[in-house]
């Protein structure tokens, strides 16, 4: 069925080969006692994920991401029923073949917020931003101690230092133009990022694409998923992502988000620093999708993307 996969490049090849993946998924469904059930591949995601019947989701992980598979299953089990909105419920999680692992979980009702946002009425968008902020605040309020054996990093300051050291190479690899690249070292040196007094459970990708809403229920928030890359660290790391990918550099919406989250707005320069240090940071995409600053300077970018009103 599935061959052993040891690198990201090998995984990229496998992900594109549906003729190879689908028989393995069907075989796994039989092993799980689901019979010859309908399976449908989700388009999004860096890993193979399938809709199984009407109520289940099956996610596959190659051997080199076994830690991520174990982490996501543990975190989902820990979170079940403890947040304001549902998270996927774990039905089964184990080793498959050739070191591949799987996670069978419940499917959340509704549609992805990323796809539905353009057709949501403005008043409902405002309410959803409020609900999302309350959800993130609830996640951050949870005690992460029971998960420290599978969720890291063990030392947040060391993680941040490593990201600082790699920042220029990271953004160069994304194709960021030189005028922006040359500003990054001095900007990061100017933002100290003091250690967080309390590490919290970070989703790390708190974006519209990972939030579910139900159009039939007045556009209510009905779920949050994708806990594979969770971490424990400074809440500002999540707030930076939410500002870029949920409120999308809208200062009014970001102000609403902070009010519902329950804290004063974070300094824009610190949020931009965390945005630059994020593991999945892609400033090229951000510059293409978000409002441009008045000048091509990181200082202006911080205010344009992370400033608030109201």
C-alpha atoms as a PDB file:
ATOM      1  CA  UNK A   1       0.000   0.000   0.000  1.00  0.00           C
ATOM      2  CA  UNK A   2       1.812   3.093   1.261  1.00  0.00           C
ATOM      3  CA  UNK A   3       5.595   3.172   0.813  1.00  0.00           C
ATOM      4  CA  UNK A   4       7.929   4.312   3.554  1.00  0.00           C
ATOM      5  CA  UNK A   5       8.470   8.081   3.395  1.00  0.00           C
ATOM      6  CA  UNK A   6      11.477   9.716   5.046  1.00  0.00           C
ATOM      7  CA  UNK A   7      11.654  13.275   3.659  1.00  0.00           C
ATOM      8  CA  UNK A   8       9.390  16.215   2.841  1.00  0.00           C
ATOM      9  CA  UNK A   9      10.231  15.841  -0.861  1.00  0.00           C
ATOM     10  CA  UNK A  10       9.159  12.195  -0.821  1.00  0.00           C
ATOM     11  CA  UNK A  11       5.982  13.191   0.987  1.00  0.00           C
ATOM     12  CA  UNK A  12       5.207  15.819  -1.661  1.00  0.00           C
ATOM     13  CA  UNK A  13       5.404  13.133  -4.317  1.00  0.00           C
ATOM     14  CA  UNK A  14       3.097  10.803  -2.397  1.00  0.00           C
ATOM     15  CA  UNK A  15       0.552  13.515  -1.649  1.00  0.00           C
ATOM     16  CA  UNK A  16       0.038  14.123  -5.363  1.00  0.00           C
ATOM     17  CA  UNK A  17      -0.465  10.403  -6.085  1.00  0.00           C
ATOM     18  CA  UNK A  18      -4.139   9.783  -5.313  1.00  0.00           C
ATOM     19  CA  UNK A  19      -3.985   6.440  -7.139  1.00  0.00           C
ATOM     20  CA  UNK A  20      -1.545   5.312  -4.452  1.00  0.00           C
ATOM     21  CA  UNK A  21      -3.240   6.937  -1.472  1.00  0.00           C
ATOM     22  CA  UNK A  22      -6.874   5.992  -2.028  1.00  0.00           C
ATOM     23  CA  UNK A  23      -6.424   2.175  -1.902  1.00  0.00           C
ATOM     24  CA  UNK A  24      -4.502   2.585   1.347  1.00  0.00           C
ATOM     25  CA  UNK A  25      -7.274   4.743   2.815  1.00  0.00           C
ATOM     26  CA  UNK A  26      -9.910   2.199   1.787  1.00  0.00           C
ATOM     27  CA  UNK A  27      -7.822  -0.620   3.259  1.00  0.00           C
ATOM     28  CA  UNK A  28      -7.429   1.280   6.512  1.00  0.00           C
ATOM     29  CA  UNK A  29     -11.181   1.925   6.668  1.00  0.00           C
ATOM     30  CA  UNK A  30     -11.786  -1.814   6.350  1.00  0.00           C
ATOM     31  CA  UNK A  31      -9.305  -2.482   9.156  1.00  0.00           C
ATOM     32  CA  UNK A  32     -11.120   0.059  11.324  1.00  0.00           C
ATOM     33  CA  UNK A  33     -14.413  -1.753  10.802  1.00  0.00           C
ATOM     34  CA  UNK A  34     -15.940   0.961   8.622  1.00  0.00           C
ATOM     35  CA  UNK A  35     -16.526  -1.314   5.644  1.00  0.00           C
ATOM     36  CA  UNK A  36     -16.554  -0.073   2.063  1.00  0.00           C
ATOM     37  CA  UNK A  37     -17.414   3.468   2.986  1.00  0.00           C
ATOM     38  CA  UNK A  38     -17.294   6.585   0.792  1.00  0.00           C
ATOM     39  CA  UNK A  39     -14.013   8.505   1.092  1.00  0.00           C
ATOM     40  CA  UNK A  40     -13.416  11.941  -0.366  1.00  0.00           C
ATOM     41  CA  UNK A  41     -10.086  13.794  -0.320  1.00  0.00           C
ATOM     42  CA  UNK A  42      -9.988  17.292   1.131  1.00  0.00           C
ATOM     43  CA  UNK A  43      -8.190  19.714  -1.164  1.00  0.00           C
ATOM     44  CA  UNK A  44      -6.443  21.709   1.565  1.00  0.00           C
ATOM     45  CA  UNK A  45      -3.668  20.618   3.876  1.00  0.00           C
ATOM     46  CA  UNK A  46      -0.037  19.559   3.800  1.00  0.00           C
ATOM     47  CA  UNK A  47      -0.984  15.983   4.755  1.00  0.00           C
ATOM     48  CA  UNK A  48      -3.508  13.570   3.204  1.00  0.00           C
ATOM     49  CA  UNK A  49      -6.893  14.144   4.859  1.00  0.00           C
ATOM     50  CA  UNK A  50     -10.132  12.422   3.857  1.00  0.00           C
ATOM     51  CA  UNK A  51     -13.803  12.803   4.553  1.00  0.00           C
ATOM     52  CA  UNK A  52     -15.029   9.329   5.530  1.00  0.00           C
ATOM     53  CA  UNK A  53     -18.759   8.912   5.163  1.00  0.00           C
ATOM     54  CA  UNK A  54     -20.749  11.850   6.474  1.00  0.00           C
ATOM     55  CA  UNK A  55     -19.348  12.171   9.969  1.00  0.00           C
ATOM     56  CA  UNK A  56     -15.679  11.137  10.083  1.00  0.00           C
ATOM     57  CA  UNK A  57     -12.301  12.480   8.979  1.00  0.00           C
ATOM     58  CA  UNK A  58      -9.155  10.399   8.439  1.00  0.00           C
ATOM     59  CA  UNK A  59      -5.723  12.021   8.532  1.00  0.00           C
ATOM     60  CA  UNK A  60      -2.494  10.266   7.529  1.00  0.00           C
ATOM     61  CA  UNK A  61       1.019  11.080   8.759  1.00  0.00           C
ATOM     62  CA  UNK A  62       4.314   9.738   7.335  1.00  0.00           C
ATOM     63  CA  UNK A  63       6.791   8.126   9.706  1.00  0.00           C
ATOM     64  CA  UNK A  64       8.977  11.211  10.063  1.00  0.00           C
ATOM     65  CA  UNK A  65       5.939  13.092  11.431  1.00  0.00           C
ATOM     66  CA  UNK A  66       4.949  10.430  13.948  1.00  0.00           C
ATOM     67  CA  UNK A  67       5.532  12.870  16.820  1.00  0.00           C
ATOM     68  CA  UNK A  68       3.048  15.269  15.225  1.00  0.00           C
ATOM     69  CA  UNK A  69       0.490  12.458  14.865  1.00  0.00           C
ATOM     70  CA  UNK A  70       0.802  11.445  18.514  1.00  0.00           C
ATOM     71  CA  UNK A  71       0.703  15.095  19.581  1.00  0.00           C
ATOM     72  CA  UNK A  72      -2.470  15.925  17.681  1.00  0.00           C
ATOM     73  CA  UNK A  73      -4.327  12.884  19.004  1.00  0.00           C
ATOM     74  CA  UNK A  74      -3.286  13.652  22.587  1.00  0.00           C
ATOM     75  CA  UNK A  75      -4.202  17.328  22.338  1.00  0.00           C
ATOM     76  CA  UNK A  76      -7.600  16.600  20.794  1.00  0.00           C
ATOM     77  CA  UNK A  77      -8.389  14.085  23.518  1.00  0.00           C
ATOM     78  CA  UNK A  78      -7.330  16.615  26.142  1.00  0.00           C
ATOM     79  CA  UNK A  79      -9.446  19.418  24.651  1.00  0.00           C
ATOM     80  CA  UNK A  80     -12.653  17.474  24.053  1.00  0.00           C
ATOM     81  CA  UNK A  81     -15.598  19.367  25.509  1.00  0.00           C
ATOM     82  CA  UNK A  82     -13.408  21.977  27.224  1.00  0.00           C
ATOM     83  CA  UNK A  83     -13.581  24.879  24.759  1.00  0.00           C
ATOM     84  CA  UNK A  84     -16.499  27.164  23.805  1.00  0.00           C
ATOM     85  CA  UNK A  85     -16.820  25.402  20.441  1.00  0.00           C
ATOM     86  CA  UNK A  86     -16.276  21.744  19.496  1.00  0.00           C
ATOM     87  CA  UNK A  87     -12.968  20.261  18.423  1.00  0.00           C
ATOM     88  CA  UNK A  88     -12.725  16.938  16.563  1.00  0.00           C
ATOM     89  CA  UNK A  89     -13.327  13.910  18.773  1.00  0.00           C
ATOM     90  CA  UNK A  90     -10.754  11.132  18.459  1.00  0.00           C
ATOM     91  CA  UNK A  91     -12.214   7.776  17.382  1.00  0.00           C
ATOM     92  CA  UNK A  92      -8.943   5.953  16.725  1.00  0.00           C
ATOM     93  CA  UNK A  93      -5.248   6.767  16.397  1.00  0.00           C
ATOM     94  CA  UNK A  94      -2.450   4.299  15.821  1.00  0.00           C
ATOM     95  CA  UNK A  95       0.278   2.958  13.574  1.00  0.00           C
ATOM     96  CA  UNK A  96      -0.704   1.770  10.081  1.00  0.00           C
ATOM     97  CA  UNK A  97       1.961   0.359   7.734  1.00  0.00           C
ATOM     98  CA  UNK A  98       5.528   1.337   6.839  1.00  0.00           C
ATOM     99  CA  UNK A  99       5.584   3.683   9.835  1.00  0.00           C
ATOM    100  CA  UNK A 100       2.599   5.700   8.645  1.00  0.00           C
ATOM    101  CA  UNK A 101       0.226   6.744  11.420  1.00  0.00           C
ATOM    102  CA  UNK A 102      -3.431   7.704  11.241  1.00  0.00           C
ATOM    103  CA  UNK A 103      -5.971   9.718  13.173  1.00  0.00           C
ATOM    104  CA  UNK A 104      -9.684   8.979  12.760  1.00  0.00           C
ATOM    105  CA  UNK A 105     -11.799  11.779  14.205  1.00  0.00           C
ATOM    106  CA  UNK A 106     -15.261  13.267  14.052  1.00  0.00           C
ATOM    107  CA  UNK A 107     -16.112  15.776  11.374  1.00  0.00           C
ATOM    108  CA  UNK A 108     -17.176  19.196  12.623  1.00  0.00           C
ATOM    109  CA  UNK A 109     -20.499  20.477  11.275  1.00  0.00           C
ATOM    110  CA  UNK A 110     -20.476  23.510   9.007  1.00  0.00           C
ATOM    111  CA  UNK A 111     -18.126  25.111   6.497  1.00  0.00           C
ATOM    112  CA  UNK A 112     -14.672  26.653   6.647  1.00  0.00           C
ATOM    113  CA  UNK A 113     -14.622  30.322   7.604  1.00  0.00           C
ATOM    114  CA  UNK A 114     -11.994  31.043   4.954  1.00  0.00           C
ATOM    115  CA  UNK A 115     -14.303  30.061   2.118  1.00  0.00           C
ATOM    116  CA  UNK A 116     -17.481  31.520   3.574  1.00  0.00           C
ATOM    117  CA  UNK A 117     -16.125  34.883   4.803  1.00  0.00           C
ATOM    118  CA  UNK A 118     -16.931  36.830   1.579  1.00  0.00           C
ATOM    119  CA  UNK A 119     -20.634  35.993   1.816  1.00  0.00           C
ATOM    120  CA  UNK A 120     -21.062  36.551   5.569  1.00  0.00           C
ATOM    121  CA  UNK A 121     -22.979  39.753   6.455  1.00  0.00           C
ATOM    122  CA  UNK A 122     -20.843  42.461   8.163  1.00  0.00           C
ATOM    123  CA  UNK A 123     -22.643  42.229  11.513  1.00  0.00           C
ATOM    124  CA  UNK A 124     -22.092  38.474  11.595  1.00  0.00           C
ATOM    125  CA  UNK A 125     -18.417  38.957  10.716  1.00  0.00           C
ATOM    126  CA  UNK A 126     -18.060  41.220  13.746  1.00  0.00           C
ATOM    127  CA  UNK A 127     -19.709  38.630  15.977  1.00  0.00           C
ATOM    128  CA  UNK A 128     -17.512  35.859  14.588  1.00  0.00           C
ATOM    129  CA  UNK A 129     -14.380  37.863  15.376  1.00  0.00           C
ATOM    130  CA  UNK A 130     -15.657  38.221  18.936  1.00  0.00           C
ATOM    131  CA  UNK A 131     -16.435  34.495  19.191  1.00  0.00           C
ATOM    132  CA  UNK A 132     -13.033  33.590  17.763  1.00  0.00           C
ATOM    133  CA  UNK A 133     -11.234  35.825  20.270  1.00  0.00           C
ATOM    134  CA  UNK A 134     -13.176  34.294  23.155  1.00  0.00           C
ATOM    135  CA  UNK A 135     -12.252  30.855  21.841  1.00  0.00           C
ATOM    136  CA  UNK A 136      -8.542  31.685  21.653  1.00  0.00           C
ATOM    137  CA  UNK A 137      -8.662  33.210  25.133  1.00  0.00           C
ATOM    138  CA  UNK A 138     -10.219  29.988  26.456  1.00  0.00           C
ATOM    139  CA  UNK A 139      -7.490  27.910  24.798  1.00  0.00           C
ATOM    140  CA  UNK A 140      -4.778  30.143  26.277  1.00  0.00           C
ATOM    141  CA  UNK A 141      -6.391  29.955  29.722  1.00  0.00           C
ATOM    142  CA  UNK A 142      -6.029  26.179  29.877  1.00  0.00           C
ATOM    143  CA  UNK A 143      -3.220  24.620  31.898  1.00  0.00           C
ATOM    144  CA  UNK A 144      -0.796  23.079  29.362  1.00  0.00           C
ATOM    145  CA  UNK A 145       1.040  21.031  32.016  1.00  0.00           C
ATOM    146  CA  UNK A 146      -0.695  17.704  31.201  1.00  0.00           C
ATOM    147  CA  UNK A 147       0.612  17.960  27.623  1.00  0.00           C
ATOM    148  CA  UNK A 148       4.247  18.890  28.181  1.00  0.00           C
ATOM    149  CA  UNK A 149       5.409  15.358  27.404  1.00  0.00           C
ATOM    150  CA  UNK A 150       4.198  15.714  23.801  1.00  0.00           C
ATOM    151  CA  UNK A 151       4.003  19.504  23.264  1.00  0.00           C
ATOM    152  CA  UNK A 152       7.023  21.801  23.279  1.00  0.00           C
ATOM    153  CA  UNK A 153       9.300  23.576  23.095  1.00  0.00           C
ATOM    154  CA  UNK A 154      10.762  22.855  26.496  1.00  0.00           C
ATOM    155  CA  UNK A 155      12.434  26.282  26.517  1.00  0.00           C
ATOM    156  CA  UNK A 156      10.531  29.081  24.752  1.00  0.00           C
ATOM    157  CA  UNK A 157      13.400  31.566  24.975  1.00  0.00           C
ATOM    158  CA  UNK A 158      15.742  29.104  23.287  1.00  0.00           C
ATOM    159  CA  UNK A 159      13.146  28.503  20.567  1.00  0.00           C
ATOM    160  CA  UNK A 160      12.857  32.254  19.931  1.00  0.00           C
ATOM    161  CA  UNK A 161      16.637  32.611  19.841  1.00  0.00           C
ATOM    162  CA  UNK A 162      16.895  29.831  17.266  1.00  0.00           C
ATOM    163  CA  UNK A 163      14.199  31.468  15.130  1.00  0.00           C
ATOM    164  CA  UNK A 164      16.053  34.796  15.321  1.00  0.00           C
ATOM    165  CA  UNK A 165      19.262  33.136  14.155  1.00  0.00           C
ATOM    166  CA  UNK A 166      17.448  31.541  11.210  1.00  0.00           C
ATOM    167  CA  UNK A 167      15.152  34.451  10.314  1.00  0.00           C
ATOM    168  CA  UNK A 168      17.122  35.872   7.405  1.00  0.00           C
ATOM    169  CA  UNK A 169      17.644  32.491   5.748  1.00  0.00           C
ATOM    170  CA  UNK A 170      13.984  31.622   6.277  1.00  0.00           C
ATOM    171  CA  UNK A 171      12.678  34.746   4.560  1.00  0.00           C
ATOM    172  CA  UNK A 172      15.283  34.570   1.813  1.00  0.00           C
ATOM    173  CA  UNK A 173      14.034  31.050   1.022  1.00  0.00           C
ATOM    174  CA  UNK A 174      10.485  32.405   0.533  1.00  0.00           C
ATOM    175  CA  UNK A 175      11.675  34.877  -2.119  1.00  0.00           C
ATOM    176  CA  UNK A 176      11.279  38.026  -0.014  1.00  0.00           C
ATOM    177  CA  UNK A 177      12.763  40.985  -1.960  1.00  0.00           C
ATOM    178  CA  UNK A 178      16.096  42.376  -0.799  1.00  0.00           C
ATOM    179  CA  UNK A 179      14.761  45.786   0.366  1.00  0.00           C
ATOM    180  CA  UNK A 180      12.674  43.964   2.967  1.00  0.00           C
ATOM    181  CA  UNK A 181      15.303  41.335   3.770  1.00  0.00           C
ATOM    182  CA  UNK A 182      17.963  43.859   4.660  1.00  0.00           C
ATOM    183  CA  UNK A 183      15.719  45.434   7.320  1.00  0.00           C
ATOM    184  CA  UNK A 184      15.016  42.220   9.227  1.00  0.00           C
ATOM    185  CA  UNK A 185      18.210  41.847  11.335  1.00  0.00           C
ATOM    186  CA  UNK A 186      18.137  45.398  12.733  1.00  0.00           C
ATOM    187  CA  UNK A 187      14.388  45.292  13.294  1.00  0.00           C
ATOM    188  CA  UNK A 188      14.537  42.019  15.237  1.00  0.00           C
ATOM    189  CA  UNK A 189      17.484  43.267  17.305  1.00  0.00           C
ATOM    190  CA  UNK A 190      15.393  46.305  18.267  1.00  0.00           C
ATOM    191  CA  UNK A 191      12.522  44.172  19.631  1.00  0.00           C
ATOM    192  CA  UNK A 192      13.608  42.310  22.786  1.00  0.00           C
ATOM    193  CA  UNK A 193      10.582  39.950  23.196  1.00  0.00           C
ATOM    194  CA  UNK A 194      10.823  39.419  26.934  1.00  0.00           C
ATOM    195  CA  UNK A 195      10.098  35.850  28.092  1.00  0.00           C
ATOM    196  CA  UNK A 196       6.413  35.216  28.641  1.00  0.00           C
ATOM    197  CA  UNK A 197       5.564  34.957  32.358  1.00  0.00           C
ATOM    198  CA  UNK A 198       3.343  31.956  31.599  1.00  0.00           C
ATOM    199  CA  UNK A 199       3.532  29.623  28.659  1.00  0.00           C
ATOM    200  CA  UNK A 200       0.132  28.861  27.157  1.00  0.00           C
ATOM    201  CA  UNK A 201      -1.153  26.245  24.757  1.00  0.00           C
ATOM    202  CA  UNK A 202      -0.732  27.810  21.308  1.00  0.00           C
ATOM    203  CA  UNK A 203      -2.724  26.714  18.301  1.00  0.00           C
ATOM    204  CA  UNK A 204      -0.018  28.422  16.141  1.00  0.00           C
ATOM    205  CA  UNK A 205      -2.296  28.563  13.067  1.00  0.00           C
ATOM    206  CA  UNK A 206      -5.384  30.313  14.397  1.00  0.00           C
ATOM    207  CA  UNK A 207      -6.641  31.316  10.956  1.00  0.00           C
ATOM    208  CA  UNK A 208      -9.955  31.447   9.118  1.00  0.00           C
ATOM    209  CA  UNK A 209      -9.182  28.195   7.330  1.00  0.00           C
ATOM    210  CA  UNK A 210      -9.113  26.290  10.631  1.00  0.00           C
ATOM    211  CA  UNK A 211     -12.369  27.701  11.982  1.00  0.00           C
ATOM    212  CA  UNK A 212     -15.769  26.235  11.100  1.00  0.00           C
ATOM    213  CA  UNK A 213     -19.053  28.143  10.874  1.00  0.00           C
ATOM    214  CA  UNK A 214     -22.598  26.968  10.249  1.00  0.00           C
ATOM    215  CA  UNK A 215     -24.581  29.103   7.772  1.00  0.00           C
ATOM    216  CA  UNK A 216     -27.761  27.303   8.810  1.00  0.00           C
ATOM    217  CA  UNK A 217     -27.262  28.397  12.423  1.00  0.00           C
ATOM    218  CA  UNK A 218     -26.888  32.133  11.834  1.00  0.00           C
ATOM    219  CA  UNK A 219     -23.200  31.915  10.974  1.00  0.00           C
ATOM    220  CA  UNK A 220     -22.262  30.644  14.406  1.00  0.00           C
ATOM    221  CA  UNK A 221     -18.759  29.408  15.105  1.00  0.00           C
ATOM    222  CA  UNK A 222     -19.049  25.623  15.271  1.00  0.00           C
ATOM    223  CA  UNK A 223     -15.516  24.310  15.484  1.00  0.00           C
ATOM    224  CA  UNK A 224     -11.729  24.617  15.524  1.00  0.00           C
ATOM    225  CA  UNK A 225      -9.390  21.995  14.063  1.00  0.00           C
ATOM    226  CA  UNK A 226      -5.790  21.236  13.021  1.00  0.00           C
ATOM    227  CA  UNK A 227      -3.867  20.846  16.279  1.00  0.00           C
ATOM    228  CA  UNK A 228      -0.905  19.091  14.712  1.00  0.00           C
ATOM    229  CA  UNK A 229       1.513  22.086  15.108  1.00  0.00           C
ATOM    230  CA  UNK A 230       0.478  23.147  18.649  1.00  0.00           C
ATOM    231  CA  UNK A 231       3.146  24.565  20.943  1.00  0.00           C
ATOM    232  CA  UNK A 232       3.513  25.976  24.453  1.00  0.00           C
ATOM    233  CA  UNK A 233       4.756  29.544  24.577  1.00  0.00           C
ATOM    234  CA  UNK A 234       4.026  33.259  24.484  1.00  0.00           C
ATOM    235  CA  UNK A 235       0.370  34.050  23.629  1.00  0.00           C
ATOM    236  CA  UNK A 236       1.603  36.883  21.375  1.00  0.00           C
ATOM    237  CA  UNK A 237       2.760  34.197  18.925  1.00  0.00           C
ATOM    238  CA  UNK A 238      -0.908  33.281  18.335  1.00  0.00           C
ATOM    239  CA  UNK A 239      -2.094  36.893  18.446  1.00  0.00           C
ATOM    240  CA  UNK A 240       0.264  37.807  15.613  1.00  0.00           C
ATOM    241  CA  UNK A 241      -1.177  35.033  13.456  1.00  0.00           C
ATOM    242  CA  UNK A 242      -4.745  35.997  14.286  1.00  0.00           C
ATOM    243  CA  UNK A 243      -4.059  39.605  13.266  1.00  0.00           C
ATOM    244  CA  UNK A 244      -2.645  38.508   9.917  1.00  0.00           C
ATOM    245  CA  UNK A 245      -4.990  35.677   9.000  1.00  0.00           C
ATOM    246  CA  UNK A 246      -8.229  36.212  10.929  1.00  0.00           C
ATOM    247  CA  UNK A 247      -8.748  39.970  11.199  1.00  0.00           C
ATOM    248  CA  UNK A 248      -6.502  40.424   8.141  1.00  0.00           C
ATOM    249  CA  UNK A 249      -4.883  43.730   9.173  1.00  0.00           C
ATOM    250  CA  UNK A 250      -8.258  45.403   9.750  1.00  0.00           C
ATOM    251  CA  UNK A 251      -7.580  47.756  12.706  1.00  0.00           C
ATOM    252  CA  UNK A 252     -11.225  47.919  13.758  1.00  0.00           C
ATOM    253  CA  UNK A 253     -11.612  44.151  13.751  1.00  0.00           C
ATOM    254  CA  UNK A 254      -8.318  43.691  15.589  1.00  0.00           C
ATOM    255  CA  UNK A 255      -9.503  46.130  18.263  1.00  0.00           C
ATOM    256  CA  UNK A 256     -12.690  44.087  18.591  1.00  0.00           C
ATOM    257  CA  UNK A 257     -10.618  40.908  18.828  1.00  0.00           C
ATOM    258  CA  UNK A 258      -8.507  42.270  21.693  1.00  0.00           C
ATOM    259  CA  UNK A 259     -11.595  43.474  23.567  1.00  0.00           C
ATOM    260  CA  UNK A 260     -13.148  39.995  23.405  1.00  0.00           C
ATOM    261  CA  UNK A 261      -9.831  38.275  24.127  1.00  0.00           C
ATOM    262  CA  UNK A 262      -9.587  40.343  27.292  1.00  0.00           C
ATOM    263  CA  UNK A 263      -6.355  42.278  27.071  1.00  0.00           C
ATOM    264  CA  UNK A 264      -5.036  45.629  25.891  1.00  0.00           C
ATOM    265  CA  UNK A 265      -3.644  45.705  22.340  1.00  0.00           C
ATOM    266  CA  UNK A 266      -0.185  44.202  22.067  1.00  0.00           C
ATOM    267  CA  UNK A 267       2.624  46.512  20.825  1.00  0.00           C
ATOM    268  CA  UNK A 268       2.576  46.302  16.994  1.00  0.00           C
ATOM    269  CA  UNK A 269       6.365  45.970  16.762  1.00  0.00           C
ATOM    270  CA  UNK A 270       6.339  42.893  19.001  1.00  0.00           C
ATOM    271  CA  UNK A 271       3.599  41.256  16.963  1.00  0.00           C
ATOM    272  CA  UNK A 272       5.497  41.916  13.734  1.00  0.00           C
ATOM    273  CA  UNK A 273       8.612  40.412  15.319  1.00  0.00           C
ATOM    274  CA  UNK A 274       6.679  37.237  16.157  1.00  0.00           C
ATOM    275  CA  UNK A 275       5.175  37.246  12.662  1.00  0.00           C
ATOM    276  CA  UNK A 276       8.701  37.330  11.233  1.00  0.00           C
ATOM    277  CA  UNK A 277       9.858  34.558  13.584  1.00  0.00           C
ATOM    278  CA  UNK A 278       6.865  32.272  13.072  1.00  0.00           C
ATOM    279  CA  UNK A 279       7.752  28.798  11.817  1.00  0.00           C
ATOM    280  CA  UNK A 280       5.401  29.208   8.837  1.00  0.00           C
ATOM    281  CA  UNK A 281       6.034  32.915   8.220  1.00  0.00           C
ATOM    282  CA  UNK A 282       5.574  33.974   4.597  1.00  0.00           C
ATOM    283  CA  UNK A 283       5.943  37.728   4.298  1.00  0.00           C
ATOM    284  CA  UNK A 284       5.725  37.491   0.515  1.00  0.00           C
ATOM    285  CA  UNK A 285       2.173  36.155   0.768  1.00  0.00           C
ATOM    286  CA  UNK A 286       1.270  38.687   3.453  1.00  0.00           C
ATOM    287  CA  UNK A 287       2.532  41.602   1.356  1.00  0.00           C
ATOM    288  CA  UNK A 288       0.477  40.383  -1.584  1.00  0.00           C
ATOM    289  CA  UNK A 289      -2.731  39.823   0.378  1.00  0.00           C
ATOM    290  CA  UNK A 290      -2.784  42.546   3.043  1.00  0.00           C
ATOM    291  CA  UNK A 291      -2.915  46.363   2.866  1.00  0.00           C
ATOM    292  CA  UNK A 292       0.399  47.954   1.915  1.00  0.00           C
ATOM    293  CA  UNK A 293       2.078  50.323   4.400  1.00  0.00           C
ATOM    294  CA  UNK A 294       2.687  53.962   3.387  1.00  0.00           C
ATOM    295  CA  UNK A 295       6.413  53.200   3.006  1.00  0.00           C
ATOM    296  CA  UNK A 296       8.260  49.910   2.455  1.00  0.00           C
ATOM    297  CA  UNK A 297       9.598  49.906   6.007  1.00  0.00           C
ATOM    298  CA  UNK A 298       9.068  47.294   8.702  1.00  0.00           C
ATOM    299  CA  UNK A 299       8.221  50.013  11.227  1.00  0.00           C
ATOM    300  CA  UNK A 300       5.362  51.167   8.992  1.00  0.00           C
ATOM    301  CA  UNK A 301       4.367  47.566   8.350  1.00  0.00           C
ATOM    302  CA  UNK A 302       3.978  46.961  12.087  1.00  0.00           C
ATOM    303  CA  UNK A 303       1.484  49.822  12.411  1.00  0.00           C
ATOM    304  CA  UNK A 304      -0.354  48.967   9.184  1.00  0.00           C
ATOM    305  CA  UNK A 305      -0.920  45.321  10.110  1.00  0.00           C
ATOM    306  CA  UNK A 306      -1.028  45.298  13.902  1.00  0.00           C
ATOM    307  CA  UNK A 307      -2.419  48.701  14.840  1.00  0.00           C
ATOM    308  CA  UNK A 308      -5.961  48.963  16.221  1.00  0.00           C
ATOM    309  CA  UNK A 309      -8.829  51.420  16.435  1.00  0.00           C
ATOM    310  CA  UNK A 310     -11.889  51.267  18.665  1.00  0.00           C
END
